[in-house]
Amino acid sequence: MSGNKRVTKESENEKAADKQTQEETSTTLEPGPVAKMPPGFRKEIEAFIGMAGNLQPKDPIAEQIRPEHIDKILEIEEKRQDNQHKDRQGTKWFIFAIIALMVSLVVFLTWFLVTKNKDALLMDLLKFLVGFIGGFGAGLATKAVFHKDS
């Protein structure tokens, strides 16, 4: 008889625990696959979900950013882009000026040597220029081949 009382008392305790778990589940979980799981497993899943929610780092600076700050950041970025564009334009003009100066120098030297009848010196100068331009082109081609990834 005492064995029977013990079994009924344990089953009553289990029923009370299940009832309490169901009440907790009904308040914390929405109906879905987790709500249909066994109570012990469901409790572990709830604990895991609770811990996962706390893992998201909170950045104290991000919480203090206001719309005025975003406007200021956008203004700074716009100025940076304008300066970068001006810098590129200046670099293009500088390269153009250097190339124009070099071409002018070559044309002047060619004209000067032709008018003075210095054919041997002119041929040596032209060989040098062709070699220089060819070497420069070969260097650019080599750089393009070996530095494709970057």
C-alpha atoms as a PDB file:
ATOM      1  CA  MET A   1       0.000   0.000   0.000  1.00  0.00           C
ATOM      2  CA  SER A   2       2.807   2.418   0.775  1.00  0.00           C
ATOM      3  CA  GLY A   3       4.286   1.674  -2.672  1.00  0.00           C
ATOM      4  CA  ASN A   4       1.011   2.703  -4.272  1.00  0.00           C
ATOM      5  CA  LYS A   5       0.907   5.956  -2.316  1.00  0.00           C
ATOM      6  CA  ARG A   6       4.464   6.651  -3.284  1.00  0.00           C
ATOM      7  CA  VAL A   7       3.741   6.123  -7.006  1.00  0.00           C
ATOM      8  CA  THR A   8       0.655   8.346  -6.892  1.00  0.00           C
ATOM      9  CA  LYS A   9       2.554  11.037  -4.988  1.00  0.00           C
ATOM     10  CA  GLU A  10       5.404  10.981  -7.557  1.00  0.00           C
ATOM     11  CA  SER A  11       2.929  11.099 -10.452  1.00  0.00           C
ATOM     12  CA  GLU A  12       1.156  14.037  -8.787  1.00  0.00           C
ATOM     13  CA  ASN A  13       4.498  15.850  -8.454  1.00  0.00           C
ATOM     14  CA  GLU A  14       5.290  15.170 -12.113  1.00  0.00           C
ATOM     15  CA  LYS A  15       1.859  16.430 -13.156  1.00  0.00           C
ATOM     16  CA  ALA A  16       2.313  19.591 -11.105  1.00  0.00           C
ATOM     17  CA  ALA A  17       5.765  20.157 -12.639  1.00  0.00           C
ATOM     18  CA  ASP A  18       4.378  19.605 -16.152  1.00  0.00           C
ATOM     19  CA  LYS A  19       1.532  22.007 -15.433  1.00  0.00           C
ATOM     20  CA  GLN A  20       3.976  24.652 -14.177  1.00  0.00           C
ATOM     21  CA  THR A  21       6.197  24.152 -17.228  1.00  0.00           C
ATOM     22  CA  GLN A  22       3.191  24.485 -19.529  1.00  0.00           C
ATOM     23  CA  GLU A  23       2.203  27.759 -17.830  1.00  0.00           C
ATOM     24  CA  GLU A  24       5.758  29.099 -18.193  1.00  0.00           C
ATOM     25  CA  THR A  25       5.863  27.953 -21.801  1.00  0.00           C
ATOM     26  CA  SER A  26       2.579  29.563 -22.651  1.00  0.00           C
ATOM     27  CA  THR A  27       3.845  32.925 -21.400  1.00  0.00           C
ATOM     28  CA  THR A  28       7.364  32.751 -22.910  1.00  0.00           C
ATOM     29  CA  LEU A  29       6.881  30.848 -26.161  1.00  0.00           C
ATOM     30  CA  GLU A  30       4.611  31.452 -29.064  1.00  0.00           C
ATOM     31  CA  PRO A  31       2.925  28.403 -30.551  1.00  0.00           C
ATOM     32  CA  GLY A  32       5.327  26.635 -32.848  1.00  0.00           C
ATOM     33  CA  PRO A  33       7.755  23.753 -33.020  1.00  0.00           C
ATOM     34  CA  VAL A  34       9.420  24.585 -29.680  1.00  0.00           C
ATOM     35  CA  ALA A  35       6.076  24.574 -27.839  1.00  0.00           C
ATOM     36  CA  LYS A  36       5.454  21.007 -29.014  1.00  0.00           C
ATOM     37  CA  MET A  37       8.749  19.678 -27.612  1.00  0.00           C
ATOM     38  CA  PRO A  38       9.034  17.662 -24.398  1.00  0.00           C
ATOM     39  CA  PRO A  39       9.228  19.894 -21.282  1.00  0.00           C
ATOM     40  CA  GLY A  40      12.880  19.153 -20.376  1.00  0.00           C
ATOM     41  CA  PHE A  41      14.160  19.726 -23.881  1.00  0.00           C
ATOM     42  CA  ARG A  42      11.968  22.788 -24.272  1.00  0.00           C
ATOM     43  CA  LYS A  43      13.483  24.325 -21.132  1.00  0.00           C
ATOM     44  CA  GLU A  44      17.004  23.833 -22.536  1.00  0.00           C
ATOM     45  CA  ILE A  45      16.001  25.415 -25.833  1.00  0.00           C
ATOM     46  CA  GLU A  46      14.491  28.397 -24.009  1.00  0.00           C
ATOM     47  CA  ALA A  47      17.698  28.826 -22.009  1.00  0.00           C
ATOM     48  CA  PHE A  48      19.785  28.674 -25.196  1.00  0.00           C
ATOM     49  CA  ILE A  49      17.581  31.230 -26.938  1.00  0.00           C
ATOM     50  CA  GLY A  50      17.825  33.503 -23.901  1.00  0.00           C
ATOM     51  CA  MET A  51      21.621  33.285 -23.890  1.00  0.00           C
ATOM     52  CA  ALA A  52      21.821  33.863 -27.649  1.00  0.00           C
ATOM     53  CA  GLY A  53      19.855  37.071 -27.247  1.00  0.00           C
ATOM     54  CA  ASN A  54      22.412  38.361 -24.760  1.00  0.00           C
ATOM     55  CA  LEU A  55      25.357  37.652 -27.083  1.00  0.00           C
ATOM     56  CA  GLN A  56      24.661  40.605 -29.344  1.00  0.00           C
ATOM     57  CA  PRO A  57      27.299  43.205 -28.467  1.00  0.00           C
ATOM     58  CA  LYS A  58      26.037  46.660 -27.670  1.00  0.00           C
ATOM     59  CA  ASP A  59      28.234  49.456 -28.927  1.00  0.00           C
ATOM     60  CA  PRO A  60      28.004  52.465 -26.589  1.00  0.00           C
ATOM     61  CA  ILE A  61      29.040  54.852 -29.360  1.00  0.00           C
ATOM     62  CA  ALA A  62      26.399  53.511 -31.760  1.00  0.00           C
ATOM     63  CA  GLU A  63      23.718  54.181 -29.150  1.00  0.00           C
ATOM     64  CA  GLN A  64      24.784  57.845 -28.922  1.00  0.00           C
ATOM     65  CA  ILE A  65      24.716  58.619 -32.668  1.00  0.00           C
ATOM     66  CA  ARG A  66      22.032  61.117 -33.601  1.00  0.00           C
ATOM     67  CA  PRO A  67      20.813  62.336 -37.029  1.00  0.00           C
ATOM     68  CA  GLU A  68      23.050  65.433 -36.707  1.00  0.00           C
ATOM     69  CA  HIS A  69      26.078  63.144 -36.431  1.00  0.00           C
ATOM     70  CA  ILE A  70      25.075  61.233 -39.545  1.00  0.00           C
ATOM     71  CA  ASP A  71      24.655  64.514 -41.460  1.00  0.00           C
ATOM     72  CA  LYS A  72      28.141  65.598 -40.360  1.00  0.00           C
ATOM     73  CA  ILE A  73      29.644  62.251 -41.413  1.00  0.00           C
ATOM     74  CA  LEU A  74      27.999  62.556 -44.840  1.00  0.00           C
ATOM     75  CA  GLU A  75      29.339  66.117 -45.252  1.00  0.00           C
ATOM     76  CA  ILE A  76      32.860  64.970 -44.390  1.00  0.00           C
ATOM     77  CA  GLU A  77      32.614  62.079 -46.868  1.00  0.00           C
ATOM     78  CA  GLU A  78      31.399  64.433 -49.609  1.00  0.00           C
ATOM     79  CA  LYS A  79      34.346  66.789 -48.984  1.00  0.00           C
ATOM     80  CA  ARG A  80      36.746  63.846 -49.087  1.00  0.00           C
ATOM     81  CA  GLN A  81      35.356  62.708 -52.438  1.00  0.00           C
ATOM     82  CA  ASP A  82      35.584  66.249 -53.856  1.00  0.00           C
ATOM     83  CA  ASN A  83      39.211  66.545 -52.733  1.00  0.00           C
ATOM     84  CA  GLN A  84      40.022  63.152 -54.187  1.00  0.00           C
ATOM     85  CA  HIS A  85      38.489  64.191 -57.535  1.00  0.00           C
ATOM     86  CA  LYS A  86      40.471  67.462 -57.561  1.00  0.00           C
ATOM     87  CA  ASP A  87      43.654  65.532 -56.777  1.00  0.00           C
ATOM     88  CA  ARG A  88      43.071  63.148 -59.679  1.00  0.00           C
ATOM     89  CA  GLN A  89      42.392  66.056 -62.038  1.00  0.00           C
ATOM     90  CA  GLY A  90      45.602  67.783 -60.930  1.00  0.00           C
ATOM     91  CA  THR A  91      47.596  64.601 -61.459  1.00  0.00           C
ATOM     92  CA  LYS A  92      46.191  64.186 -64.974  1.00  0.00           C
ATOM     93  CA  TRP A  93      47.160  67.752 -65.906  1.00  0.00           C
ATOM     94  CA  PHE A  94      50.656  67.264 -64.480  1.00  0.00           C
ATOM     95  CA  ILE A  95      51.210  64.082 -66.502  1.00  0.00           C
ATOM     96  CA  PHE A  96      49.889  65.816 -69.622  1.00  0.00           C
ATOM     97  CA  ALA A  97      52.295  68.735 -69.091  1.00  0.00           C
ATOM     98  CA  ILE A  98      55.285  66.383 -68.634  1.00  0.00           C
ATOM     99  CA  ILE A  99      54.422  64.427 -71.798  1.00  0.00           C
ATOM    100  CA  ALA A 100      53.892  67.652 -73.795  1.00  0.00           C
ATOM    101  CA  LEU A 101      57.263  68.962 -72.583  1.00  0.00           C
ATOM    102  CA  MET A 102      59.055  65.726 -73.548  1.00  0.00           C
ATOM    103  CA  VAL A 103      57.460  65.659 -77.021  1.00  0.00           C
ATOM    104  CA  SER A 104      58.366  69.312 -77.534  1.00  0.00           C
ATOM    105  CA  LEU A 105      61.968  68.606 -76.541  1.00  0.00           C
ATOM    106  CA  VAL A 106      62.227  65.666 -78.954  1.00  0.00           C
ATOM    107  CA  VAL A 107      60.727  67.682 -81.815  1.00  0.00           C
ATOM    108  CA  PHE A 108      63.076  70.602 -81.120  1.00  0.00           C
ATOM    109  CA  LEU A 109      66.170  68.357 -80.931  1.00  0.00           C
ATOM    110  CA  THR A 110      65.180  66.614 -84.174  1.00  0.00           C
ATOM    111  CA  TRP A 111      64.638  69.902 -86.010  1.00  0.00           C
ATOM    112  CA  PHE A 112      67.862  71.377 -84.589  1.00  0.00           C
ATOM    113  CA  LEU A 113      69.997  68.370 -85.572  1.00  0.00           C
ATOM    114  CA  VAL A 114      68.466  68.146 -89.064  1.00  0.00           C
ATOM    115  CA  THR A 115      69.147  71.837 -89.764  1.00  0.00           C
ATOM    116  CA  LYS A 116      72.778  71.514 -88.601  1.00  0.00           C
ATOM    117  CA  ASN A 117      73.403  68.400 -90.740  1.00  0.00           C
ATOM    118  CA  LYS A 118      74.292  66.221 -87.754  1.00  0.00           C
ATOM    119  CA  ASP A 119      72.814  63.011 -89.152  1.00  0.00           C
ATOM    120  CA  ALA A 120      74.965  60.635 -87.084  1.00  0.00           C
ATOM    121  CA  LEU A 121      74.017  62.353 -83.841  1.00  0.00           C
ATOM    122  CA  LEU A 122      70.339  62.377 -84.905  1.00  0.00           C
ATOM    123  CA  MET A 123      70.424  58.620 -85.582  1.00  0.00           C
ATOM    124  CA  ASP A 124      71.998  57.944 -82.176  1.00  0.00           C
ATOM    125  CA  LEU A 125      69.355  60.130 -80.508  1.00  0.00           C
ATOM    126  CA  LEU A 126      66.506  58.358 -82.319  1.00  0.00           C
ATOM    127  CA  LYS A 127      67.937  54.922 -81.368  1.00  0.00           C
ATOM    128  CA  PHE A 128      68.111  56.041 -77.757  1.00  0.00           C
ATOM    129  CA  LEU A 129      64.533  57.351 -77.784  1.00  0.00           C
ATOM    130  CA  VAL A 130      63.143  54.219 -79.440  1.00  0.00           C
ATOM    131  CA  GLY A 131      64.986  52.040 -76.900  1.00  0.00           C
ATOM    132  CA  PHE A 132      63.743  54.171 -74.009  1.00  0.00           C
ATOM    133  CA  ILE A 133      60.128  54.114 -75.191  1.00  0.00           C
ATOM    134  CA  GLY A 134      60.319  50.362 -75.886  1.00  0.00           C
ATOM    135  CA  GLY A 135      61.772  49.671 -72.447  1.00  0.00           C
ATOM    136  CA  PHE A 136      59.130  51.805 -70.805  1.00  0.00           C
ATOM    137  CA  GLY A 137      56.379  49.927 -72.670  1.00  0.00           C
ATOM    138  CA  ALA A 138      57.921  46.561 -71.781  1.00  0.00           C
ATOM    139  CA  GLY A 139      58.073  47.593 -68.120  1.00  0.00           C
ATOM    140  CA  LEU A 140      54.403  48.583 -68.125  1.00  0.00           C
ATOM    141  CA  ALA A 141      53.434  45.315 -69.808  1.00  0.00           C
ATOM    142  CA  THR A 142      55.469  43.296 -67.299  1.00  0.00           C
ATOM    143  CA  LYS A 143      53.874  45.132 -64.398  1.00  0.00           C
ATOM    144  CA  ALA A 144      50.399  44.507 -65.821  1.00  0.00           C
ATOM    145  CA  VAL A 145      51.116  40.777 -66.213  1.00  0.00           C
ATOM    146  CA  PHE A 146      52.652  40.213 -62.771  1.00  0.00           C
ATOM    147  CA  HIS A 147      50.301  42.443 -60.800  1.00  0.00           C
ATOM    148  CA  LYS A 148      46.918  41.404 -62.179  1.00  0.00           C
ATOM    149  CA  ASP A 149      45.496  40.517 -58.750  1.00  0.00           C
ATOM    150  CA  SER A 150      46.303  43.800 -57.035  1.00  0.00           C
END
